Amino acid sequence: MIPLSKTNTKYLNKNDNELLSNYINGDHTAFNALVHKYHNEVYHFVRKRVPSHDDAQDICQNAFINLSLYAKQFSGRSKFRAWLYQIAINQYRNHYRSIKRQRTLMEALENIDAFSEDINFLSLSNREELALLRDAISKLPNKQRMVLQLRLYLNYSYTVIAETMGCAEGTAKAHHHQAIANLRKIFSTSESYC
């Protein structure tokens, strides 16, 4: 939280709508006053819902970042405080969606069947082999690694991969093919992967 200097205490007497309006008109100290006024309150609101201080801090920080980005969208139909809390709730939801996506990726990585279509030359029967596969994938060139991860972990079509990467569908397929070929090479030539 950014502390307010004694010279800026005039902002503490303004209502939230005035402060937001001043911020929208370029007065960044007014935004600082809003952060100063609501940071602890929003933090504690979020902290009651998450297991760690760091997660609460991240969510709270993102809420205030979004407040600054979308300040002009505040219509005034609801109270500012309610709007700010809605932003915090949305950030809380986004945080847990992100965690859920990460878990889904880890489950996909640990699900041997997910690899059977493209990596049927491997027998991924234990965690050690999965760790070796993760290590091998991390050694691929960036574009190959990205295509492979999007295809295998998220089951994206080549069309979606191409859109995501900003390339032609044929290029995405070529990167995928090269990634599989490189994984085959890594596993067939390196004794540490055998």
N, C-alpha and C. Protein backbone atom coordinates (compact mmCIF):
# COMPACT_ATOMS: atom_id res chain seq x y z
N MET A 1 0.85 -1.17 0.00
CA MET A 1 0.00 0.00 0.00
C MET A 1 0.89 1.23 0.00
N ILE A 2 0.48 2.23 -0.76
CA ILE A 2 1.23 3.47 -0.87
C ILE A 2 0.72 4.42 0.21
N PRO A 3 1.61 4.86 1.12
CA PRO A 3 1.13 5.74 2.19
C PRO A 3 0.81 7.14 1.66
N LEU A 4 -0.20 7.75 2.21
CA LEU A 4 -0.52 9.13 1.86
C LEU A 4 0.34 10.06 2.69
N SER A 5 0.90 11.05 2.04
CA SER A 5 1.68 12.02 2.80
C SER A 5 0.71 12.96 3.51
N LYS A 6 1.22 13.66 4.50
CA LYS A 6 0.36 14.57 5.27
C LYS A 6 -0.21 15.68 4.39
N THR A 7 0.50 16.03 3.32
CA THR A 7 0.02 17.09 2.44
C THR A 7 -1.17 16.63 1.60
N ASN A 8 -1.41 15.35 1.52
CA ASN A 8 -2.50 14.83 0.71
C ASN A 8 -3.67 14.32 1.54
N THR A 9 -3.74 14.71 2.79
CA THR A 9 -4.84 14.24 3.63
C THR A 9 -6.17 14.84 3.20
N LYS A 10 -6.14 15.89 2.37
CA LYS A 10 -7.38 16.47 1.87
C LYS A 10 -8.21 15.43 1.12
N TYR A 11 -7.55 14.42 0.58
CA TYR A 11 -8.25 13.38 -0.17
C TYR A 11 -9.06 12.46 0.75
N LEU A 12 -8.66 12.38 2.00
CA LEU A 12 -9.35 11.49 2.93
C LEU A 12 -10.76 11.98 3.24
N ASN A 13 -11.03 13.27 3.03
CA ASN A 13 -12.36 13.83 3.30
C ASN A 13 -13.29 13.76 2.08
N LYS A 14 -12.76 13.38 0.93
CA LYS A 14 -13.60 13.29 -0.27
C LYS A 14 -14.31 11.95 -0.32
N ASN A 15 -15.49 11.94 -0.94
CA ASN A 15 -16.19 10.67 -1.06
C ASN A 15 -15.58 9.87 -2.21
N ASP A 16 -15.91 8.60 -2.27
CA ASP A 16 -15.30 7.68 -3.23
C ASP A 16 -15.54 8.09 -4.67
N ASN A 17 -16.75 8.54 -4.97
CA ASN A 17 -17.06 8.93 -6.34
C ASN A 17 -16.23 10.14 -6.78
N GLU A 18 -16.02 11.08 -5.86
CA GLU A 18 -15.17 12.24 -6.17
C GLU A 18 -13.73 11.79 -6.42
N LEU A 19 -13.24 10.91 -5.57
CA LEU A 19 -11.87 10.43 -5.74
C LEU A 19 -11.71 9.70 -7.07
N LEU A 20 -12.67 8.86 -7.40
CA LEU A 20 -12.60 8.12 -8.66
C LEU A 20 -12.67 9.09 -9.84
N SER A 21 -13.53 10.06 -9.76
CA SER A 21 -13.65 11.06 -10.81
C SER A 21 -12.35 11.84 -10.96
N ASN A 22 -11.75 12.22 -9.86
CA ASN A 22 -10.45 12.92 -9.91
C ASN A 22 -9.38 12.04 -10.55
N TYR A 23 -9.39 10.76 -10.21
CA TYR A 23 -8.41 9.83 -10.80
C TYR A 23 -8.62 9.73 -12.31
N ILE A 24 -9.85 9.59 -12.73
CA ILE A 24 -10.16 9.48 -14.16
C ILE A 24 -9.68 10.73 -14.90
N ASN A 25 -9.74 11.87 -14.21
CA ASN A 25 -9.29 13.13 -14.82
C ASN A 25 -7.79 13.37 -14.66
N GLY A 26 -7.06 12.35 -14.23
CA GLY A 26 -5.61 12.44 -14.21
C GLY A 26 -4.95 12.65 -12.87
N ASP A 27 -5.70 12.70 -11.82
CA ASP A 27 -5.14 12.91 -10.48
C ASP A 27 -4.81 11.55 -9.85
N HIS A 28 -3.58 11.13 -9.98
CA HIS A 28 -3.18 9.81 -9.49
C HIS A 28 -3.13 9.75 -7.96
N THR A 29 -3.01 10.88 -7.32
CA THR A 29 -3.03 10.89 -5.86
C THR A 29 -4.42 10.50 -5.35
N ALA A 30 -5.44 10.82 -6.12
CA ALA A 30 -6.81 10.43 -5.74
C ALA A 30 -6.93 8.90 -5.76
N PHE A 31 -6.31 8.27 -6.74
CA PHE A 31 -6.33 6.80 -6.78
C PHE A 31 -5.57 6.25 -5.57
N ASN A 32 -4.45 6.86 -5.26
CA ASN A 32 -3.67 6.47 -4.09
C ASN A 32 -4.52 6.56 -2.83
N ALA A 33 -5.37 7.58 -2.77
CA ALA A 33 -6.25 7.73 -1.60
C ALA A 33 -7.27 6.59 -1.54
N LEU A 34 -7.79 6.17 -2.69
CA LEU A 34 -8.72 5.04 -2.71
C LEU A 34 -8.03 3.75 -2.25
N VAL A 35 -6.82 3.55 -2.73
CA VAL A 35 -6.06 2.37 -2.31
C VAL A 35 -5.82 2.43 -0.81
N HIS A 36 -5.39 3.58 -0.35
CA HIS A 36 -5.13 3.76 1.09
C HIS A 36 -6.39 3.48 1.91
N LYS A 37 -7.51 3.94 1.43
CA LYS A 37 -8.77 3.79 2.15
C LYS A 37 -9.27 2.35 2.18
N TYR A 38 -9.09 1.61 1.08
CA TYR A 38 -9.73 0.30 0.96
C TYR A 38 -8.79 -0.90 0.96
N HIS A 39 -7.50 -0.69 0.92
CA HIS A 39 -6.58 -1.83 0.78
C HIS A 39 -6.77 -2.86 1.89
N ASN A 40 -6.69 -2.43 3.13
CA ASN A 40 -6.79 -3.38 4.25
C ASN A 40 -8.14 -4.08 4.26
N GLU A 41 -9.18 -3.34 3.99
CA GLU A 41 -10.53 -3.91 3.98
C GLU A 41 -10.66 -4.99 2.90
N VAL A 42 -10.20 -4.68 1.69
CA VAL A 42 -10.28 -5.65 0.59
C VAL A 42 -9.37 -6.84 0.88
N TYR A 43 -8.17 -6.55 1.40
CA TYR A 43 -7.24 -7.64 1.73
C TYR A 43 -7.88 -8.63 2.71
N HIS A 44 -8.46 -8.12 3.78
CA HIS A 44 -9.07 -8.99 4.80
C HIS A 44 -10.29 -9.74 4.25
N PHE A 45 -11.03 -9.08 3.40
CA PHE A 45 -12.16 -9.74 2.74
C PHE A 45 -11.67 -10.95 1.93
N VAL A 46 -10.60 -10.75 1.18
CA VAL A 46 -10.04 -11.83 0.34
C VAL A 46 -9.34 -12.87 1.22
N ARG A 47 -8.61 -12.41 2.22
CA ARG A 47 -7.81 -13.32 3.06
C ARG A 47 -8.66 -14.36 3.76
N LYS A 48 -9.89 -14.00 4.07
CA LYS A 48 -10.80 -14.95 4.72
C LYS A 48 -11.18 -16.10 3.78
N ARG A 49 -10.95 -15.90 2.49
CA ARG A 49 -11.38 -16.87 1.50
C ARG A 49 -10.25 -17.67 0.87
N VAL A 50 -9.01 -17.30 1.14
CA VAL A 50 -7.87 -18.00 0.54
C VAL A 50 -6.95 -18.51 1.64
N PRO A 51 -6.20 -19.58 1.34
CA PRO A 51 -5.38 -20.18 2.39
C PRO A 51 -4.08 -19.45 2.71
N SER A 52 -3.61 -18.60 1.80
CA SER A 52 -2.30 -18.00 2.08
C SER A 52 -2.32 -16.48 1.95
N HIS A 53 -1.42 -15.86 2.69
CA HIS A 53 -1.23 -14.42 2.64
C HIS A 53 -0.82 -13.99 1.24
N ASP A 54 0.09 -14.75 0.62
CA ASP A 54 0.58 -14.38 -0.72
C ASP A 54 -0.55 -14.38 -1.74
N ASP A 55 -1.42 -15.38 -1.69
CA ASP A 55 -2.56 -15.42 -2.60
C ASP A 55 -3.47 -14.21 -2.37
N ALA A 56 -3.72 -13.90 -1.12
CA ALA A 56 -4.57 -12.75 -0.80
C ALA A 56 -3.95 -11.46 -1.31
N GLN A 57 -2.65 -11.31 -1.13
CA GLN A 57 -1.96 -10.11 -1.62
C GLN A 57 -2.06 -10.01 -3.14
N ASP A 58 -1.84 -11.14 -3.83
CA ASP A 58 -1.91 -11.15 -5.30
C ASP A 58 -3.30 -10.76 -5.78
N ILE A 59 -4.30 -11.36 -5.17
CA ILE A 59 -5.69 -11.08 -5.57
C ILE A 59 -6.03 -9.62 -5.30
N CYS A 60 -5.63 -9.13 -4.14
CA CYS A 60 -5.90 -7.75 -3.77
C CYS A 60 -5.19 -6.79 -4.74
N GLN A 61 -3.95 -7.07 -5.03
CA GLN A 61 -3.19 -6.24 -5.97
C GLN A 61 -3.87 -6.23 -7.34
N ASN A 62 -4.27 -7.39 -7.81
CA ASN A 62 -4.94 -7.47 -9.11
C ASN A 62 -6.28 -6.72 -9.10
N ALA A 63 -6.96 -6.75 -7.98
CA ALA A 63 -8.22 -6.01 -7.87
C ALA A 63 -7.97 -4.52 -8.05
N PHE A 64 -6.94 -3.99 -7.42
CA PHE A 64 -6.65 -2.56 -7.55
C PHE A 64 -6.09 -2.21 -8.93
N ILE A 65 -5.36 -3.13 -9.52
CA ILE A 65 -4.90 -2.91 -10.89
C ILE A 65 -6.10 -2.81 -11.82
N ASN A 66 -7.04 -3.73 -11.66
CA ASN A 66 -8.25 -3.69 -12.49
C ASN A 66 -9.09 -2.45 -12.20
N LEU A 67 -9.12 -2.04 -10.96
CA LEU A 67 -9.81 -0.81 -10.63
C LEU A 67 -9.22 0.35 -11.42
N SER A 68 -7.90 0.42 -11.47
CA SER A 68 -7.27 1.51 -12.21
C SER A 68 -7.52 1.40 -13.71
N LEU A 69 -7.54 0.18 -14.23
CA LEU A 69 -7.73 -0.01 -15.67
C LEU A 69 -9.17 0.27 -16.11
N TYR A 70 -10.13 -0.05 -15.25
CA TYR A 70 -11.54 0.05 -15.64
C TYR A 70 -12.29 1.15 -14.89
N ALA A 71 -11.57 2.09 -14.33
CA ALA A 71 -12.21 3.16 -13.56
C ALA A 71 -13.26 3.91 -14.37
N LYS A 72 -13.00 4.11 -15.64
CA LYS A 72 -13.94 4.86 -16.48
C LYS A 72 -15.25 4.12 -16.69
N GLN A 73 -15.26 2.83 -16.42
CA GLN A 73 -16.48 2.04 -16.61
C GLN A 73 -17.42 2.09 -15.40
N PHE A 74 -16.97 2.70 -14.33
CA PHE A 74 -17.85 2.82 -13.16
C PHE A 74 -19.00 3.75 -13.50
N SER A 75 -20.21 3.23 -13.43
CA SER A 75 -21.38 4.00 -13.85
C SER A 75 -21.99 4.83 -12.72
N GLY A 76 -21.69 4.46 -11.50
CA GLY A 76 -22.27 5.17 -10.37
C GLY A 76 -23.63 4.65 -9.97
N ARG A 77 -24.13 3.62 -10.67
CA ARG A 77 -25.44 3.05 -10.32
C ARG A 77 -25.39 2.31 -8.99
N SER A 78 -24.21 1.77 -8.68
CA SER A 78 -24.03 1.10 -7.39
C SER A 78 -23.02 1.92 -6.59
N LYS A 79 -22.87 1.57 -5.35
CA LYS A 79 -21.87 2.25 -4.54
C LYS A 79 -20.48 1.80 -4.98
N PHE A 80 -19.53 2.72 -4.88
CA PHE A 80 -18.15 2.42 -5.27
C PHE A 80 -17.63 1.20 -4.53
N ARG A 81 -17.88 1.15 -3.24
CA ARG A 81 -17.39 0.04 -2.41
C ARG A 81 -17.90 -1.31 -2.93
N ALA A 82 -19.18 -1.38 -3.30
CA ALA A 82 -19.75 -2.62 -3.84
C ALA A 82 -19.08 -2.98 -5.16
N TRP A 83 -18.82 -1.97 -5.98
CA TRP A 83 -18.16 -2.21 -7.26
C TRP A 83 -16.74 -2.74 -7.05
N LEU A 84 -16.01 -2.14 -6.11
CA LEU A 84 -14.65 -2.59 -5.80
C LEU A 84 -14.66 -4.03 -5.28
N TYR A 85 -15.62 -4.35 -4.43
CA TYR A 85 -15.72 -5.72 -3.92
C TYR A 85 -16.03 -6.70 -5.05
N GLN A 86 -16.85 -6.28 -6.00
CA GLN A 86 -17.15 -7.15 -7.14
C GLN A 86 -15.88 -7.41 -7.95
N ILE A 87 -15.05 -6.40 -8.10
CA ILE A 87 -13.76 -6.58 -8.78
C ILE A 87 -12.91 -7.57 -8.01
N ALA A 88 -12.86 -7.43 -6.69
CA ALA A 88 -12.08 -8.36 -5.86
C ALA A 88 -12.62 -9.78 -5.97
N ILE A 89 -13.93 -9.92 -5.98
CA ILE A 89 -14.54 -11.26 -6.11
C ILE A 89 -14.18 -11.86 -7.46
N ASN A 90 -14.23 -11.05 -8.50
CA ASN A 90 -13.86 -11.54 -9.83
C ASN A 90 -12.40 -11.98 -9.88
N GLN A 91 -11.53 -11.23 -9.22
CA GLN A 91 -10.12 -11.61 -9.17
C GLN A 91 -9.92 -12.90 -8.38
N TYR A 92 -10.68 -13.05 -7.32
CA TYR A 92 -10.66 -14.30 -6.54
C TYR A 92 -11.06 -15.47 -7.42
N ARG A 93 -12.14 -15.31 -8.18
CA ARG A 93 -12.58 -16.37 -9.09
C ARG A 93 -11.53 -16.66 -10.16
N ASN A 94 -10.96 -15.62 -10.73
CA ASN A 94 -9.91 -15.81 -11.75
C ASN A 94 -8.72 -16.56 -11.18
N HIS A 95 -8.38 -16.24 -9.95
CA HIS A 95 -7.26 -16.91 -9.28
C HIS A 95 -7.52 -18.41 -9.19
N TYR A 96 -8.72 -18.78 -8.76
CA TYR A 96 -9.02 -20.21 -8.62
C TYR A 96 -9.25 -20.90 -9.96
N ARG A 97 -9.71 -20.16 -10.95
CA ARG A 97 -9.77 -20.75 -12.30
C ARG A 97 -8.37 -21.08 -12.79
N SER A 98 -7.45 -20.18 -12.51
CA SER A 98 -6.05 -20.39 -12.90
C SER A 98 -5.47 -21.62 -12.20
N ILE A 99 -5.75 -21.76 -10.92
CA ILE A 99 -5.28 -22.93 -10.17
C ILE A 99 -5.91 -24.19 -10.74
N LYS A 100 -7.19 -24.11 -11.07
CA LYS A 100 -7.88 -25.27 -11.64
C LYS A 100 -7.26 -25.65 -12.97
N ARG A 101 -6.92 -24.65 -13.80
CA ARG A 101 -6.26 -24.93 -15.08
C ARG A 101 -4.92 -25.60 -14.85
N GLN A 102 -4.17 -25.12 -13.87
CA GLN A 102 -2.87 -25.72 -13.58
C GLN A 102 -3.04 -27.17 -13.15
N ARG A 103 -4.03 -27.44 -12.31
CA ARG A 103 -4.29 -28.81 -11.88
C ARG A 103 -4.67 -29.68 -13.07
N THR A 104 -5.50 -29.14 -13.96
CA THR A 104 -5.92 -29.87 -15.15
C THR A 104 -4.71 -30.20 -16.00
N LEU A 105 -3.79 -29.25 -16.14
CA LEU A 105 -2.57 -29.51 -16.90
C LEU A 105 -1.75 -30.62 -16.26
N MET A 106 -1.63 -30.56 -14.94
CA MET A 106 -0.85 -31.60 -14.25
C MET A 106 -1.52 -32.96 -14.38
N GLU A 107 -2.84 -33.00 -14.29
CA GLU A 107 -3.55 -34.26 -14.45
C GLU A 107 -3.38 -34.79 -15.86
N ALA A 108 -3.42 -33.90 -16.84
CA ALA A 108 -3.23 -34.33 -18.23
C ALA A 108 -1.82 -34.88 -18.42
N LEU A 109 -0.87 -34.23 -17.79
CA LEU A 109 0.51 -34.69 -17.92
C LEU A 109 0.67 -36.07 -17.28
N GLU A 110 -0.03 -36.28 -16.18
CA GLU A 110 0.09 -37.56 -15.50
C GLU A 110 -0.83 -38.64 -16.08
N ASN A 111 -1.69 -38.24 -16.98
CA ASN A 111 -2.60 -39.20 -17.60
C ASN A 111 -1.91 -39.81 -18.82
N ILE A 112 -1.47 -41.01 -18.68
CA ILE A 112 -0.70 -41.67 -19.73
C ILE A 112 -1.48 -41.74 -21.04
N ASP A 113 -2.76 -41.94 -20.98
CA ASP A 113 -3.56 -42.05 -22.20
C ASP A 113 -3.51 -40.78 -23.03
N ALA A 114 -3.32 -39.63 -22.40
CA ALA A 114 -3.27 -38.38 -23.14
C ALA A 114 -2.09 -38.34 -24.09
N PHE A 115 -1.05 -39.11 -23.80
CA PHE A 115 0.13 -39.11 -24.65
C PHE A 115 0.13 -40.25 -25.66
N SER A 116 -0.76 -41.21 -25.52
CA SER A 116 -0.68 -42.42 -26.32
C SER A 116 -0.81 -42.16 -27.81
N GLU A 117 -1.61 -41.16 -28.20
CA GLU A 117 -1.81 -40.91 -29.62
C GLU A 117 -0.53 -40.43 -30.31
N ASP A 118 0.19 -39.49 -29.69
CA ASP A 118 1.35 -38.91 -30.35
C ASP A 118 2.69 -39.43 -29.83
N ILE A 119 2.69 -39.98 -28.64
CA ILE A 119 3.96 -40.44 -28.07
C ILE A 119 3.83 -41.90 -27.67
N ASN A 120 3.38 -42.71 -28.60
CA ASN A 120 3.16 -44.12 -28.28
C ASN A 120 4.45 -44.92 -28.21
N PHE A 121 5.57 -44.26 -28.52
CA PHE A 121 6.85 -44.95 -28.43
C PHE A 121 7.38 -44.96 -27.00
N LEU A 122 6.69 -44.29 -26.08
CA LEU A 122 7.12 -44.24 -24.69
C LEU A 122 6.22 -45.12 -23.83
N SER A 123 6.81 -45.70 -22.82
CA SER A 123 6.01 -46.41 -21.83
C SER A 123 6.09 -45.61 -20.55
N LEU A 124 5.07 -44.80 -20.29
CA LEU A 124 5.09 -43.90 -19.14
C LEU A 124 4.40 -44.56 -17.96
N SER A 125 5.10 -45.49 -17.35
CA SER A 125 4.46 -46.28 -16.32
C SER A 125 4.71 -45.77 -14.90
N ASN A 126 5.58 -44.80 -14.75
CA ASN A 126 5.80 -44.31 -13.39
C ASN A 126 6.20 -42.84 -13.38
N ARG A 127 6.23 -42.28 -12.21
CA ARG A 127 6.51 -40.85 -12.07
C ARG A 127 7.91 -40.48 -12.57
N GLU A 128 8.85 -41.38 -12.43
CA GLU A 128 10.21 -41.10 -12.91
C GLU A 128 10.21 -40.88 -14.42
N GLU A 129 9.47 -41.74 -15.13
CA GLU A 129 9.39 -41.57 -16.58
C GLU A 129 8.65 -40.29 -16.95
N LEU A 130 7.62 -39.93 -16.18
CA LEU A 130 6.92 -38.67 -16.43
C LEU A 130 7.85 -37.49 -16.21
N ALA A 131 8.68 -37.57 -15.17
CA ALA A 131 9.64 -36.50 -14.91
C ALA A 131 10.64 -36.39 -16.06
N LEU A 132 11.05 -37.54 -16.59
CA LEU A 132 11.97 -37.53 -17.74
C LEU A 132 11.29 -36.89 -18.95
N LEU A 133 10.03 -37.20 -19.15
CA LEU A 133 9.30 -36.61 -20.27
C LEU A 133 9.19 -35.10 -20.09
N ARG A 134 8.84 -34.65 -18.90
CA ARG A 134 8.76 -33.20 -18.64
C ARG A 134 10.10 -32.53 -18.93
N ASP A 135 11.18 -33.16 -18.50
CA ASP A 135 12.51 -32.63 -18.73
C ASP A 135 12.80 -32.56 -20.23
N ALA A 136 12.45 -33.61 -20.96
CA ALA A 136 12.70 -33.64 -22.40
C ALA A 136 11.88 -32.55 -23.10
N ILE A 137 10.63 -32.38 -22.71
CA ILE A 137 9.79 -31.35 -23.31
C ILE A 137 10.36 -29.97 -23.03
N SER A 138 10.90 -29.77 -21.84
CA SER A 138 11.47 -28.46 -21.50
C SER A 138 12.69 -28.12 -22.34
N LYS A 139 13.32 -29.13 -22.94
CA LYS A 139 14.51 -28.90 -23.77
C LYS A 139 14.17 -28.60 -25.22
N LEU A 140 12.91 -28.73 -25.59
CA LEU A 140 12.50 -28.45 -26.97
C LEU A 140 12.58 -26.94 -27.24
N PRO A 141 12.79 -26.56 -28.51
CA PRO A 141 12.70 -25.13 -28.85
C PRO A 141 11.33 -24.58 -28.46
N ASN A 142 11.26 -23.30 -28.18
CA ASN A 142 10.04 -22.68 -27.64
C ASN A 142 8.79 -22.98 -28.45
N LYS A 143 8.84 -22.79 -29.77
CA LYS A 143 7.64 -22.98 -30.58
C LYS A 143 7.20 -24.44 -30.58
N GLN A 144 8.14 -25.36 -30.64
CA GLN A 144 7.80 -26.78 -30.60
C GLN A 144 7.19 -27.14 -29.25
N ARG A 145 7.80 -26.64 -28.19
CA ARG A 145 7.29 -26.92 -26.84
C ARG A 145 5.88 -26.37 -26.68
N MET A 146 5.66 -25.15 -27.16
CA MET A 146 4.34 -24.54 -27.02
C MET A 146 3.27 -25.33 -27.78
N VAL A 147 3.56 -25.72 -29.02
CA VAL A 147 2.60 -26.48 -29.80
C VAL A 147 2.31 -27.81 -29.11
N LEU A 148 3.35 -28.48 -28.65
CA LEU A 148 3.18 -29.78 -27.99
C LEU A 148 2.33 -29.63 -26.74
N GLN A 149 2.60 -28.62 -25.94
CA GLN A 149 1.84 -28.42 -24.72
C GLN A 149 0.38 -28.09 -25.02
N LEU A 150 0.15 -27.23 -25.99
CA LEU A 150 -1.23 -26.88 -26.34
C LEU A 150 -1.98 -28.09 -26.88
N ARG A 151 -1.28 -28.91 -27.66
CA ARG A 151 -1.92 -30.08 -28.28
C ARG A 151 -2.18 -31.19 -27.25
N LEU A 152 -1.16 -31.49 -26.45
CA LEU A 152 -1.27 -32.62 -25.54
C LEU A 152 -1.96 -32.28 -24.23
N TYR A 153 -1.61 -31.15 -23.65
CA TYR A 153 -2.15 -30.83 -22.33
C TYR A 153 -3.57 -30.27 -22.41
N LEU A 154 -3.82 -29.45 -23.43
CA LEU A 154 -5.11 -28.79 -23.53
C LEU A 154 -5.99 -29.36 -24.64
N ASN A 155 -5.43 -30.29 -25.42
CA ASN A 155 -6.15 -30.95 -26.50
C ASN A 155 -6.69 -29.96 -27.52
N TYR A 156 -5.91 -28.90 -27.80
CA TYR A 156 -6.31 -27.90 -28.78
C TYR A 156 -6.17 -28.48 -30.19
N SER A 157 -7.03 -28.04 -31.07
CA SER A 157 -6.91 -28.41 -32.49
C SER A 157 -5.77 -27.59 -33.09
N TYR A 158 -5.29 -28.02 -34.24
CA TYR A 158 -4.23 -27.27 -34.90
C TYR A 158 -4.70 -25.87 -35.30
N THR A 159 -5.96 -25.74 -35.61
CA THR A 159 -6.52 -24.44 -35.97
C THR A 159 -6.41 -23.47 -34.79
N VAL A 160 -6.81 -23.95 -33.61
CA VAL A 160 -6.75 -23.11 -32.40
C VAL A 160 -5.30 -22.82 -32.03
N ILE A 161 -4.44 -23.81 -32.16
CA ILE A 161 -3.01 -23.61 -31.88
C ILE A 161 -2.45 -22.54 -32.79
N ALA A 162 -2.78 -22.62 -34.08
CA ALA A 162 -2.29 -21.64 -35.04
C ALA A 162 -2.77 -20.23 -34.67
N GLU A 163 -4.03 -20.10 -34.29
CA GLU A 163 -4.56 -18.80 -33.88
C GLU A 163 -3.86 -18.30 -32.63
N THR A 164 -3.64 -19.19 -31.67
CA THR A 164 -2.99 -18.82 -30.42
C THR A 164 -1.56 -18.34 -30.66
N MET A 165 -0.86 -19.03 -31.55
CA MET A 165 0.55 -18.71 -31.80
C MET A 165 0.74 -17.66 -32.89
N GLY A 166 -0.33 -17.34 -33.61
CA GLY A 166 -0.22 -16.35 -34.67
C GLY A 166 0.54 -16.87 -35.88
N CYS A 167 0.28 -18.11 -36.24
CA CYS A 167 0.95 -18.71 -37.40
C CYS A 167 -0.07 -19.49 -38.22
N ALA A 168 0.37 -20.00 -39.35
CA ALA A 168 -0.51 -20.82 -40.20
C ALA A 168 -0.72 -22.19 -39.56
N GLU A 169 -1.85 -22.82 -39.89
CA GLU A 169 -2.14 -24.14 -39.34
C GLU A 169 -1.06 -25.15 -39.75
N GLY A 170 -0.60 -25.06 -40.97
CA GLY A 170 0.46 -25.96 -41.44
C GLY A 170 1.75 -25.78 -40.64
N THR A 171 2.04 -24.55 -40.27
CA THR A 171 3.23 -24.28 -39.45
C THR A 171 3.07 -24.91 -38.07
N ALA A 172 1.88 -24.81 -37.50
CA ALA A 172 1.62 -25.43 -36.20
C ALA A 172 1.81 -26.95 -36.29
N LYS A 173 1.29 -27.56 -37.37
CA LYS A 173 1.45 -29.00 -37.55
C LYS A 173 2.93 -29.36 -37.71
N ALA A 174 3.66 -28.53 -38.44
CA ALA A 174 5.09 -28.79 -38.64
C ALA A 174 5.85 -28.71 -37.32
N HIS A 175 5.54 -27.71 -36.50
CA HIS A 175 6.19 -27.60 -35.18
C HIS A 175 5.87 -28.82 -34.32
N HIS A 176 4.62 -29.28 -34.38
CA HIS A 176 4.22 -30.46 -33.61
C HIS A 176 4.99 -31.69 -34.08
N HIS A 177 5.05 -31.87 -35.38
CA HIS A 177 5.77 -33.02 -35.95
C HIS A 177 7.25 -32.97 -35.55
N GLN A 178 7.86 -31.78 -35.63
CA GLN A 178 9.26 -31.63 -35.24
C GLN A 178 9.46 -31.90 -33.75
N ALA A 179 8.50 -31.48 -32.94
CA ALA A 179 8.60 -31.72 -31.50
C ALA A 179 8.59 -33.21 -31.21
N ILE A 180 7.67 -33.95 -31.84
CA ILE A 180 7.60 -35.40 -31.64
C ILE A 180 8.90 -36.06 -32.12
N ALA A 181 9.39 -35.63 -33.28
CA ALA A 181 10.64 -36.19 -33.81
C ALA A 181 11.79 -35.90 -32.86
N ASN A 182 11.84 -34.70 -32.32
CA ASN A 182 12.92 -34.36 -31.39
C ASN A 182 12.82 -35.15 -30.10
N LEU A 183 11.60 -35.38 -29.61
CA LEU A 183 11.43 -36.21 -28.42
C LEU A 183 11.90 -37.64 -28.69
N ARG A 184 11.56 -38.16 -29.86
CA ARG A 184 12.03 -39.51 -30.23
C ARG A 184 13.56 -39.56 -30.22
N LYS A 185 14.17 -38.51 -30.78
CA LYS A 185 15.64 -38.44 -30.83
C LYS A 185 16.21 -38.39 -29.42
N ILE A 186 15.62 -37.52 -28.60
CA ILE A 186 16.12 -37.37 -27.22
C ILE A 186 16.05 -38.70 -26.49
N PHE A 187 14.93 -39.41 -26.63
CA PHE A 187 14.76 -40.68 -25.91
C PHE A 187 15.57 -41.82 -26.52
N SER A 188 15.83 -41.76 -27.80
CA SER A 188 16.58 -42.89 -28.42
C SER A 188 18.08 -42.69 -28.32
N THR A 189 18.57 -41.46 -28.20
CA THR A 189 20.02 -41.23 -28.19
C THR A 189 20.59 -41.01 -26.81
N SER A 190 19.77 -40.66 -25.85
CA SER A 190 20.27 -40.34 -24.52
C SER A 190 20.07 -41.50 -23.57
N GLU A 191 21.15 -41.98 -23.02
CA GLU A 191 21.07 -43.11 -22.07
C GLU A 191 20.31 -42.72 -20.81
N SER A 192 20.33 -41.40 -20.48
CA SER A 192 19.65 -41.00 -19.25
C SER A 192 18.14 -41.13 -19.37
N TYR A 193 17.62 -41.26 -20.58
CA TYR A 193 16.19 -41.41 -20.77
C TYR A 193 15.77 -42.85 -21.03
N CYS A 194 16.71 -43.73 -21.05
CA CYS A 194 16.38 -45.13 -21.33
C CYS A 194 16.06 -45.89 -20.07
